[in-house]
Amino acid sequence: MRRSRGFRSKTRHKLQKVKRPGRSNPITRKIQSFSEGDLVHIIIDPSIHRGQPHPRFHGKTGRVAGMMGRSYVVAIRDGNKEKQLVVRPEHLQMQE
């Protein structure tokens, strides 16, 4: 029988949540807004499946290129290639 290779395969450690994260408010992360040209970190929240980028982009930093519905189009460089990801705001953090 062939092995399953789903979207979240091999992410047991990468997509783990901290057991006691403190006072994290998921509503605040959901309604945060970014403007075009902002630098953002892609930090996947594993409890929210909708709008997740592929786990290979977890931890990468990109620039907001625009919006697509409630999601943001984030332009990143993957090796020598420009890629555009469609990511919901729950999985983005503003770079300080």
PDB file of N, CA and C in Angstrom:
ATOM      1  N   MET A   1       0.842  -1.190   0.000  1.00  0.00           N
ATOM      2  CA  MET A   1       0.000   0.000   0.000  1.00  0.00           C
ATOM      3  C   MET A   1       0.879   1.243   0.000  1.00  0.00           C
ATOM      4  N   ARG A   2       0.496   2.224  -0.803  1.00  0.00           N
ATOM      5  CA  ARG A   2       1.288   3.446  -0.895  1.00  0.00           C
ATOM      6  C   ARG A   2       1.121   4.299   0.338  1.00  0.00           C
ATOM      7  N   ARG A   3       2.183   4.972   0.684  1.00  0.00           N
ATOM      8  CA  ARG A   3       2.193   5.830   1.850  1.00  0.00           C
ATOM      9  C   ARG A   3       1.479   7.151   1.563  1.00  0.00           C
ATOM     10  N   SER A   4       0.771   7.662   2.553  1.00  0.00           N
ATOM     11  CA  SER A   4       0.074   8.934   2.353  1.00  0.00           C
ATOM     12  C   SER A   4       1.065  10.097   2.476  1.00  0.00           C
ATOM     13  N   ARG A   5       0.953  11.039   1.584  1.00  0.00           N
ATOM     14  CA  ARG A   5       1.837  12.209   1.591  1.00  0.00           C
ATOM     15  C   ARG A   5       0.982  13.469   1.547  1.00  0.00           C
ATOM     16  N   GLY A   6       0.292  13.733   2.626  1.00  0.00           N
ATOM     17  CA  GLY A   6      -0.608  14.879   2.674  1.00  0.00           C
ATOM     18  C   GLY A   6       0.138  16.197   2.815  1.00  0.00           C
ATOM     19  N   PHE A   7      -0.636  17.254   2.904  1.00  0.00           N
ATOM     20  CA  PHE A   7      -0.090  18.617   2.966  1.00  0.00           C
ATOM     21  C   PHE A   7       0.754  18.833   4.213  1.00  0.00           C
ATOM     22  N   ARG A   8       0.400  18.144   5.312  1.00  0.00           N
ATOM     23  CA  ARG A   8       1.126  18.347   6.566  1.00  0.00           C
ATOM     24  C   ARG A   8       2.020  17.168   6.920  1.00  0.00           C
ATOM     25  N   SER A   9       2.423  16.376   5.946  1.00  0.00           N
ATOM     26  CA  SER A   9       3.271  15.226   6.246  1.00  0.00           C
ATOM     27  C   SER A   9       4.659  15.703   6.665  1.00  0.00           C
ATOM     28  N   LYS A  10       5.288  14.992   7.587  1.00  0.00           N
ATOM     29  CA  LYS A  10       6.627  15.274   8.132  1.00  0.00           C
ATOM     30  C   LYS A  10       6.683  16.605   8.883  1.00  0.00           C
ATOM     31  N   THR A  11       5.591  16.983   9.545  1.00  0.00           N
ATOM     32  CA  THR A  11       5.578  18.254  10.268  1.00  0.00           C
ATOM     33  C   THR A  11       5.294  18.050  11.750  1.00  0.00           C
ATOM     34  N   ARG A  12       5.592  16.866  12.277  1.00  0.00           N
ATOM     35  CA  ARG A  12       5.265  16.562  13.669  1.00  0.00           C
ATOM     36  C   ARG A  12       5.895  17.567  14.629  1.00  0.00           C
ATOM     37  N   HIS A  13       7.126  17.955  14.393  1.00  0.00           N
ATOM     38  CA  HIS A  13       7.797  18.886  15.297  1.00  0.00           C
ATOM     39  C   HIS A  13       7.656  20.331  14.841  1.00  0.00           C
ATOM     40  N   LYS A  14       7.642  20.538  13.546  1.00  0.00           N
ATOM     41  CA  LYS A  14       7.577  21.900  13.026  1.00  0.00           C
ATOM     42  C   LYS A  14       6.255  22.586  13.373  1.00  0.00           C
ATOM     43  N   LEU A  15       5.162  21.839  13.306  1.00  0.00           N
ATOM     44  CA  LEU A  15       3.841  22.420  13.545  1.00  0.00           C
ATOM     45  C   LEU A  15       3.299  22.012  14.917  1.00  0.00           C
ATOM     46  N   GLN A  16       4.134  22.101  15.938  1.00  0.00           N
ATOM     47  CA  GLN A  16       3.694  21.840  17.305  1.00  0.00           C
ATOM     48  C   GLN A  16       3.406  23.161  17.991  1.00  0.00           C
ATOM     49  N   LYS A  17       2.375  23.168  18.830  1.00  0.00           N
ATOM     50  CA  LYS A  17       2.072  24.374  19.601  1.00  0.00           C
ATOM     51  C   LYS A  17       2.712  24.273  20.979  1.00  0.00           C
ATOM     52  N   VAL A  18       3.039  25.434  21.542  1.00  0.00           N
ATOM     53  CA  VAL A  18       3.549  25.482  22.910  1.00  0.00           C
ATOM     54  C   VAL A  18       2.395  25.116  23.833  1.00  0.00           C
ATOM     55  N   LYS A  19       2.668  24.302  24.854  1.00  0.00           N
ATOM     56  CA  LYS A  19       1.578  23.823  25.709  1.00  0.00           C
ATOM     57  C   LYS A  19       0.871  24.945  26.444  1.00  0.00           C
ATOM     58  N   ARG A  20       1.636  25.878  26.995  1.00  0.00           N
ATOM     59  CA  ARG A  20       1.040  27.000  27.726  1.00  0.00           C
ATOM     60  C   ARG A  20       1.587  28.305  27.162  1.00  0.00           C
ATOM     61  N   PRO A  21       0.972  28.821  26.120  1.00  0.00           N
ATOM     62  CA  PRO A  21       1.541  29.988  25.439  1.00  0.00           C
ATOM     63  C   PRO A  21       1.354  31.314  26.177  1.00  0.00           C
ATOM     64  N   GLY A  22       0.648  31.314  27.295  1.00  0.00           N
ATOM     65  CA  GLY A  22       0.432  32.581  27.985  1.00  0.00           C
ATOM     66  C   GLY A  22      -0.819  33.246  27.468  1.00  0.00           C
ATOM     67  N   ARG A  23      -0.775  34.545  27.312  1.00  0.00           N
ATOM     68  CA  ARG A  23      -1.964  35.289  26.913  1.00  0.00           C
ATOM     69  C   ARG A  23      -1.971  35.559  25.411  1.00  0.00           C
ATOM     70  N   SER A  24      -2.068  34.521  24.626  1.00  0.00           N
ATOM     71  CA  SER A  24      -2.158  34.739  23.189  1.00  0.00           C
ATOM     72  C   SER A  24      -3.626  34.854  22.818  1.00  0.00           C
ATOM     73  N   ASN A  25      -3.962  35.863  22.056  1.00  0.00           N
ATOM     74  CA  ASN A  25      -5.348  36.104  21.677  1.00  0.00           C
ATOM     75  C   ASN A  25      -5.511  35.822  20.186  1.00  0.00           C
ATOM     76  N   PRO A  26      -6.148  34.712  19.821  1.00  0.00           N
ATOM     77  CA  PRO A  26      -6.257  34.382  18.399  1.00  0.00           C
ATOM     78  C   PRO A  26      -7.117  35.369  17.615  1.00  0.00           C
ATOM     79  N   ILE A  27      -8.047  36.047  18.292  1.00  0.00           N
ATOM     80  CA  ILE A  27      -8.886  37.024  17.587  1.00  0.00           C
ATOM     81  C   ILE A  27      -8.031  38.199  17.112  1.00  0.00           C
ATOM     82  N   THR A  28      -7.098  38.629  17.949  1.00  0.00           N
ATOM     83  CA  THR A  28      -6.231  39.749  17.582  1.00  0.00           C
ATOM     84  C   THR A  28      -5.386  39.400  16.364  1.00  0.00           C
ATOM     85  N   ARG A  29      -4.911  38.174  16.314  1.00  0.00           N
ATOM     86  CA  ARG A  29      -4.097  37.762  15.169  1.00  0.00           C
ATOM     87  C   ARG A  29      -4.939  37.668  13.905  1.00  0.00           C
ATOM     88  N   LYS A  30      -6.212  37.341  14.077  1.00  0.00           N
ATOM     89  CA  LYS A  30      -7.084  37.182  12.915  1.00  0.00           C
ATOM     90  C   LYS A  30      -7.456  38.526  12.288  1.00  0.00           C
ATOM     91  N   ILE A  31      -7.565  39.567  13.108  1.00  0.00           N
ATOM     92  CA  ILE A  31      -7.994  40.862  12.578  1.00  0.00           C
ATOM     93  C   ILE A  31      -6.834  41.822  12.346  1.00  0.00           C
ATOM     94  N   GLN A  32      -5.590  41.359  12.545  1.00  0.00           N
ATOM     95  CA  GLN A  32      -4.459  42.260  12.309  1.00  0.00           C
ATOM     96  C   GLN A  32      -4.377  42.592  10.824  1.00  0.00           C
ATOM     97  N   SER A  33      -3.876  43.775  10.529  1.00  0.00           N
ATOM     98  CA  SER A  33      -3.808  44.190   9.127  1.00  0.00           C
ATOM     99  C   SER A  33      -2.391  44.636   8.782  1.00  0.00           C
ATOM    100  N   PHE A  34      -2.045  44.428   7.543  1.00  0.00           N
ATOM    101  CA  PHE A  34      -0.739  44.805   7.029  1.00  0.00           C
ATOM    102  C   PHE A  34      -0.959  45.647   5.789  1.00  0.00           C
ATOM    103  N   SER A  35      -0.012  46.516   5.511  1.00  0.00           N
ATOM    104  CA  SER A  35      -0.115  47.309   4.291  1.00  0.00           C
ATOM    105  C   SER A  35       0.899  46.785   3.277  1.00  0.00           C
ATOM    106  N   GLU A  36       0.699  47.162   2.047  1.00  0.00           N
ATOM    107  CA  GLU A  36       1.560  46.676   0.978  1.00  0.00           C
ATOM    108  C   GLU A  36       2.996  47.156   1.201  1.00  0.00           C
ATOM    109  N   GLY A  37       3.930  46.247   1.087  1.00  0.00           N
ATOM    110  CA  GLY A  37       5.341  46.579   1.290  1.00  0.00           C
ATOM    111  C   GLY A  37       5.854  46.237   2.676  1.00  0.00           C
ATOM    112  N   ASP A  38       4.982  45.831   3.611  1.00  0.00           N
ATOM    113  CA  ASP A  38       5.421  45.448   4.962  1.00  0.00           C
ATOM    114  C   ASP A  38       6.203  44.145   4.931  1.00  0.00           C
ATOM    115  N   LEU A  39       7.223  44.056   5.770  1.00  0.00           N
ATOM    116  CA  LEU A  39       7.954  42.804   5.943  1.00  0.00           C
ATOM    117  C   LEU A  39       7.250  41.975   7.001  1.00  0.00           C
ATOM    118  N   VAL A  40       6.956  40.716   6.681  1.00  0.00           N
ATOM    119  CA  VAL A  40       6.242  39.835   7.611  1.00  0.00           C
ATOM    120  C   VAL A  40       6.962  38.493   7.706  1.00  0.00           C
ATOM    121  N   HIS A  41       6.861  37.868   8.890  1.00  0.00           N
ATOM    122  CA  HIS A  41       7.364  36.521   9.113  1.00  0.00           C
ATOM    123  C   HIS A  41       6.207  35.558   8.919  1.00  0.00           C
ATOM    124  N   ILE A  42       6.471  34.439   8.274  1.00  0.00           N
ATOM    125  CA  ILE A  42       5.458  33.411   8.104  1.00  0.00           C
ATOM    126  C   ILE A  42       5.642  32.398   9.233  1.00  0.00           C
ATOM    127  N   ILE A  43       4.775  32.479  10.240  1.00  0.00           N
ATOM    128  CA  ILE A  43       4.798  31.566  11.373  1.00  0.00           C
ATOM    129  C   ILE A  43       3.445  30.858  11.383  1.00  0.00           C
ATOM    130  N   ILE A  44       3.422  29.592  10.994  1.00  0.00           N
ATOM    131  CA  ILE A  44       2.163  28.861  10.847  1.00  0.00           C
ATOM    132  C   ILE A  44       1.567  28.553  12.214  1.00  0.00           C
ATOM    133  N   ASP A  45       0.278  28.861  12.366  1.00  0.00           N
ATOM    134  CA  ASP A  45      -0.464  28.469  13.565  1.00  0.00           C
ATOM    135  C   ASP A  45      -1.139  27.138  13.252  1.00  0.00           C
ATOM    136  N   PRO A  46      -0.667  26.037  13.853  1.00  0.00           N
ATOM    137  CA  PRO A  46      -1.179  24.724  13.470  1.00  0.00           C
ATOM    138  C   PRO A  46      -2.625  24.471  13.870  1.00  0.00           C
ATOM    139  N   SER A  47      -3.185  25.285  14.764  1.00  0.00           N
ATOM    140  CA  SER A  47      -4.572  25.057  15.178  1.00  0.00           C
ATOM    141  C   SER A  47      -5.557  25.625  14.166  1.00  0.00           C
ATOM    142  N   ILE A  48      -5.104  26.456  13.242  1.00  0.00           N
ATOM    143  CA  ILE A  48      -5.969  27.035  12.219  1.00  0.00           C
ATOM    144  C   ILE A  48      -5.501  26.500  10.877  1.00  0.00           C
ATOM    145  N   HIS A  49      -6.311  25.624  10.261  1.00  0.00           N
ATOM    146  CA  HIS A  49      -5.886  24.978   9.026  1.00  0.00           C
ATOM    147  C   HIS A  49      -6.126  25.850   7.806  1.00  0.00           C
ATOM    148  N   ARG A  50      -7.085  26.725   7.901  1.00  0.00           N
ATOM    149  CA  ARG A  50      -7.470  27.518   6.744  1.00  0.00           C
ATOM    150  C   ARG A  50      -6.423  28.586   6.454  1.00  0.00           C
ATOM    151  N   GLY A  51      -6.031  28.719   5.215  1.00  0.00           N
ATOM    152  CA  GLY A  51      -5.107  29.769   4.814  1.00  0.00           C
ATOM    153  C   GLY A  51      -3.668  29.514   5.203  1.00  0.00           C
ATOM    154  N   GLN A  52      -3.330  28.256   5.505  1.00  0.00           N
ATOM    155  CA  GLN A  52      -1.942  27.938   5.852  1.00  0.00           C
ATOM    156  C   GLN A  52      -1.099  27.871   4.588  1.00  0.00           C
ATOM    157  N   PRO A  53       0.115  28.413   4.629  1.00  0.00           N
ATOM    158  CA  PRO A  53       1.034  28.155   3.519  1.00  0.00           C
ATOM    159  C   PRO A  53       1.623  26.764   3.674  1.00  0.00           C
ATOM    160  N   HIS A  54       2.357  26.321   2.703  1.00  0.00           N
ATOM    161  CA  HIS A  54       2.999  25.009   2.806  1.00  0.00           C
ATOM    162  C   HIS A  54       4.028  25.053   3.929  1.00  0.00           C
ATOM    163  N   PRO A  55       4.175  23.976   4.704  1.00  0.00           N
ATOM    164  CA  PRO A  55       5.102  23.990   5.846  1.00  0.00           C
ATOM    165  C   PRO A  55       6.553  24.282   5.487  1.00  0.00           C
ATOM    166  N   ARG A  56       6.926  24.128   4.209  1.00  0.00           N
ATOM    167  CA  ARG A  56       8.316  24.447   3.848  1.00  0.00           C
ATOM    168  C   ARG A  56       8.612  25.939   3.972  1.00  0.00           C
ATOM    169  N   PHE A  57       7.564  26.776   4.012  1.00  0.00           N
ATOM    170  CA  PHE A  57       7.762  28.216   4.118  1.00  0.00           C
ATOM    171  C   PHE A  57       7.679  28.713   5.562  1.00  0.00           C
ATOM    172  N   HIS A  58       7.501  27.807   6.536  1.00  0.00           N
ATOM    173  CA  HIS A  58       7.424  28.186   7.948  1.00  0.00           C
ATOM    174  C   HIS A  58       8.752  28.809   8.383  1.00  0.00           C
ATOM    175  N   GLY A  59       8.697  30.008   8.949  1.00  0.00           N
ATOM    176  CA  GLY A  59       9.905  30.684   9.413  1.00  0.00           C
ATOM    177  C   GLY A  59      10.513  31.628   8.392  1.00  0.00           C
ATOM    178  N   LYS A  60       9.986  31.669   7.189  1.00  0.00           N
ATOM    179  CA  LYS A  60      10.535  32.551   6.157  1.00  0.00           C
ATOM    180  C   LYS A  60       9.973  33.959   6.335  1.00  0.00           C
ATOM    181  N   THR A  61      10.690  34.916   5.771  1.00  0.00           N
ATOM    182  CA  THR A  61      10.274  36.314   5.822  1.00  0.00           C
ATOM    183  C   THR A  61      10.010  36.791   4.401  1.00  0.00           C
ATOM    184  N   GLY A  62       8.913  37.514   4.220  1.00  0.00           N
ATOM    185  CA  GLY A  62       8.563  38.019   2.899  1.00  0.00           C
ATOM    186  C   GLY A  62       7.967  39.407   2.987  1.00  0.00           C
ATOM    187  N   ARG A  63       7.599  39.920   1.833  1.00  0.00           N
ATOM    188  CA  ARG A  63       7.034  41.264   1.739  1.00  0.00           C
ATOM    189  C   ARG A  63       5.597  41.150   1.235  1.00  0.00           C
ATOM    190  N   VAL A  64       4.694  41.894   1.867  1.00  0.00           N
ATOM    191  CA  VAL A  64       3.287  41.871   1.454  1.00  0.00           C
ATOM    192  C   VAL A  64       3.167  42.536   0.090  1.00  0.00           C
ATOM    193  N   ALA A  65       2.616  41.774  -0.885  1.00  0.00           N
ATOM    194  CA  ALA A  65       2.494  42.283  -2.245  1.00  0.00           C
ATOM    195  C   ALA A  65       1.076  42.745  -2.565  1.00  0.00           C
ATOM    196  N   GLY A  66       0.107  42.324  -1.761  1.00  0.00           N
ATOM    197  CA  GLY A  66      -1.270  42.727  -2.023  1.00  0.00           C
ATOM    198  C   GLY A  66      -2.225  41.896  -1.189  1.00  0.00           C
ATOM    199  N   MET A  67      -3.515  41.998  -1.541  1.00  0.00           N
ATOM    200  CA  MET A  67      -4.537  41.235  -0.833  1.00  0.00           C
ATOM    201  C   MET A  67      -5.320  40.389  -1.820  1.00  0.00           C
ATOM    202  N   MET A  68      -5.872  39.286  -1.311  1.00  0.00           N
ATOM    203  CA  MET A  68      -6.729  38.418  -2.099  1.00  0.00           C
ATOM    204  C   MET A  68      -7.839  37.964  -1.169  1.00  0.00           C
ATOM    205  N   GLY A  69      -8.948  38.679  -1.166  1.00  0.00           N
ATOM    206  CA  GLY A  69     -10.012  38.421  -0.206  1.00  0.00           C
ATOM    207  C   GLY A  69      -9.543  38.854   1.175  1.00  0.00           C
ATOM    208  N   ARG A  70      -9.631  37.940   2.165  1.00  0.00           N
ATOM    209  CA  ARG A  70      -9.136  38.253   3.514  1.00  0.00           C
ATOM    210  C   ARG A  70      -7.663  37.911   3.667  1.00  0.00           C
ATOM    211  N   SER A  71      -7.104  37.255   2.670  1.00  0.00           N
ATOM    212  CA  SER A  71      -5.721  36.803   2.740  1.00  0.00           C
ATOM    213  C   SER A  71      -4.777  37.835   2.153  1.00  0.00           C
ATOM    214  N   TYR A  72      -3.500  37.640   2.462  1.00  0.00           N
ATOM    215  CA  TYR A  72      -2.455  38.513   1.938  1.00  0.00           C
ATOM    216  C   TYR A  72      -1.591  37.729   0.962  1.00  0.00           C
ATOM    217  N   VAL A  73      -1.168  38.402  -0.093  1.00  0.00           N
ATOM    218  CA  VAL A  73      -0.217  37.810  -1.032  1.00  0.00           C
ATOM    219  C   VAL A  73       1.157  38.230  -0.552  1.00  0.00           C
ATOM    220  N   VAL A  74       1.990  37.246  -0.192  1.00  0.00           N
ATOM    221  CA  VAL A  74       3.319  37.507   0.354  1.00  0.00           C
ATOM    222  C   VAL A  74       4.343  37.034  -0.662  1.00  0.00           C
ATOM    223  N   ALA A  75       5.237  37.935  -1.067  1.00  0.00           N
ATOM    224  CA  ALA A  75       6.291  37.603  -2.028  1.00  0.00           C
ATOM    225  C   ALA A  75       7.544  37.214  -1.262  1.00  0.00           C
ATOM    226  N   ILE A  76       8.078  36.028  -1.554  1.00  0.00           N
ATOM    227  CA  ILE A  76       9.306  35.579  -0.910  1.00  0.00           C
ATOM    228  C   ILE A  76      10.272  35.105  -1.989  1.00  0.00           C
ATOM    229  N   ARG A  77      11.532  34.977  -1.594  1.00  0.00           N
ATOM    230  CA  ARG A  77      12.528  34.389  -2.472  1.00  0.00           C
ATOM    231  C   ARG A  77      12.807  32.979  -1.968  1.00  0.00           C
ATOM    232  N   ASP A  78      12.621  32.002  -2.830  1.00  0.00           N
ATOM    233  CA  ASP A  78      12.904  30.607  -2.499  1.00  0.00           C
ATOM    234  C   ASP A  78      14.081  30.185  -3.371  1.00  0.00           C
ATOM    235  N   GLY A  79      15.265  30.244  -2.778  1.00  0.00           N
ATOM    236  CA  GLY A  79      16.467  29.997  -3.569  1.00  0.00           C
ATOM    237  C   GLY A  79      16.696  31.196  -4.470  1.00  0.00           C
ATOM    238  N   ASN A  80      16.618  30.987  -5.756  1.00  0.00           N
ATOM    239  CA  ASN A  80      16.845  32.081  -6.705  1.00  0.00           C
ATOM    240  C   ASN A  80      15.562  32.477  -7.410  1.00  0.00           C
ATOM    241  N   LYS A  81      14.419  32.034  -6.876  1.00  0.00           N
ATOM    242  CA  LYS A  81      13.149  32.244  -7.547  1.00  0.00           C
ATOM    243  C   LYS A  81      12.201  33.051  -6.682  1.00  0.00           C
ATOM    244  N   GLU A  82      11.461  33.973  -7.286  1.00  0.00           N
ATOM    245  CA  GLU A  82      10.429  34.738  -6.585  1.00  0.00           C
ATOM    246  C   GLU A  82       9.156  33.907  -6.534  1.00  0.00           C
ATOM    247  N   LYS A  83       8.563  33.777  -5.350  1.00  0.00           N
ATOM    248  CA  LYS A  83       7.305  33.059  -5.226  1.00  0.00           C
ATOM    249  C   LYS A  83       6.306  33.934  -4.500  1.00  0.00           C
ATOM    250  N   GLN A  84       5.044  33.731  -4.806  1.00  0.00           N
ATOM    251  CA  GLN A  84       3.978  34.471  -4.138  1.00  0.00           C
ATOM    252  C   GLN A  84       3.069  33.479  -3.428  1.00  0.00           C
ATOM    253  N   LEU A  85       2.887  33.698  -2.121  1.00  0.00           N
ATOM    254  CA  LEU A  85       2.061  32.824  -1.299  1.00  0.00           C
ATOM    255  C   LEU A  85       0.805  33.567  -0.898  1.00  0.00           C
ATOM    256  N   VAL A  86      -0.293  32.852  -0.823  1.00  0.00           N
ATOM    257  CA  VAL A  86      -1.545  33.431  -0.340  1.00  0.00           C
ATOM    258  C   VAL A  86      -1.731  32.910   1.076  1.00  0.00           C
ATOM    259  N   VAL A  87      -1.642  33.822   2.058  1.00  0.00           N
ATOM    260  CA  VAL A  87      -1.607  33.431   3.461  1.00  0.00           C
ATOM    261  C   VAL A  87      -2.609  34.274   4.238  1.00  0.00           C
ATOM    262  N   ARG A  88      -3.343  33.628   5.130  1.00  0.00           N
ATOM    263  CA  ARG A  88      -4.242  34.376   6.009  1.00  0.00           C
ATOM    264  C   ARG A  88      -3.445  35.062   7.115  1.00  0.00           C
ATOM    265  N   PRO A  89      -3.985  36.133   7.707  1.00  0.00           N
ATOM    266  CA  PRO A  89      -3.216  36.906   8.701  1.00  0.00           C
ATOM    267  C   PRO A  89      -2.891  36.151   9.988  1.00  0.00           C
ATOM    268  N   GLU A  90      -3.595  35.056  10.292  1.00  0.00           N
ATOM    269  CA  GLU A  90      -3.288  34.294  11.506  1.00  0.00           C
ATOM    270  C   GLU A  90      -1.896  33.674  11.449  1.00  0.00           C
ATOM    271  N   HIS A  91      -1.383  33.490  10.240  1.00  0.00           N
ATOM    272  CA  HIS A  91      -0.090  32.824  10.067  1.00  0.00           C
ATOM    273  C   HIS A  91       1.025  33.827   9.765  1.00  0.00           C
ATOM    274  N   LEU A  92       0.748  35.112   9.971  1.00  0.00           N
ATOM    275  CA  LEU A  92       1.757  36.151   9.706  1.00  0.00           C
ATOM    276  C   LEU A  92       2.057  36.938  10.967  1.00  0.00           C
ATOM    277  N   GLN A  93       3.288  37.386  11.083  1.00  0.00           N
ATOM    278  CA  GLN A  93       3.687  38.271  12.179  1.00  0.00           C
ATOM    279  C   GLN A  93       4.513  39.410  11.591  1.00  0.00           C
ATOM    280  N   MET A  94       4.286  40.617  12.104  1.00  0.00           N
ATOM    281  CA  MET A  94       5.028  41.780  11.635  1.00  0.00           C
ATOM    282  C   MET A  94       6.480  41.669  12.077  1.00  0.00           C
ATOM    283  N   GLN A  95       7.398  42.001  11.188  1.00  0.00           N
ATOM    284  CA  GLN A  95       8.810  41.973  11.555  1.00  0.00           C
ATOM    285  C   GLN A  95       9.143  43.216  12.349  1.00  0.00           C
ATOM    286  N   GLU A  96       9.864  43.028  13.466  1.00  0.00           N
ATOM    287  CA  GLU A  96      10.257  44.174  14.284  1.00  0.00           C
ATOM    288  C   GLU A  96      11.594  44.695  13.877  1.00  0.00           C
TER     289      GLU A  96
END
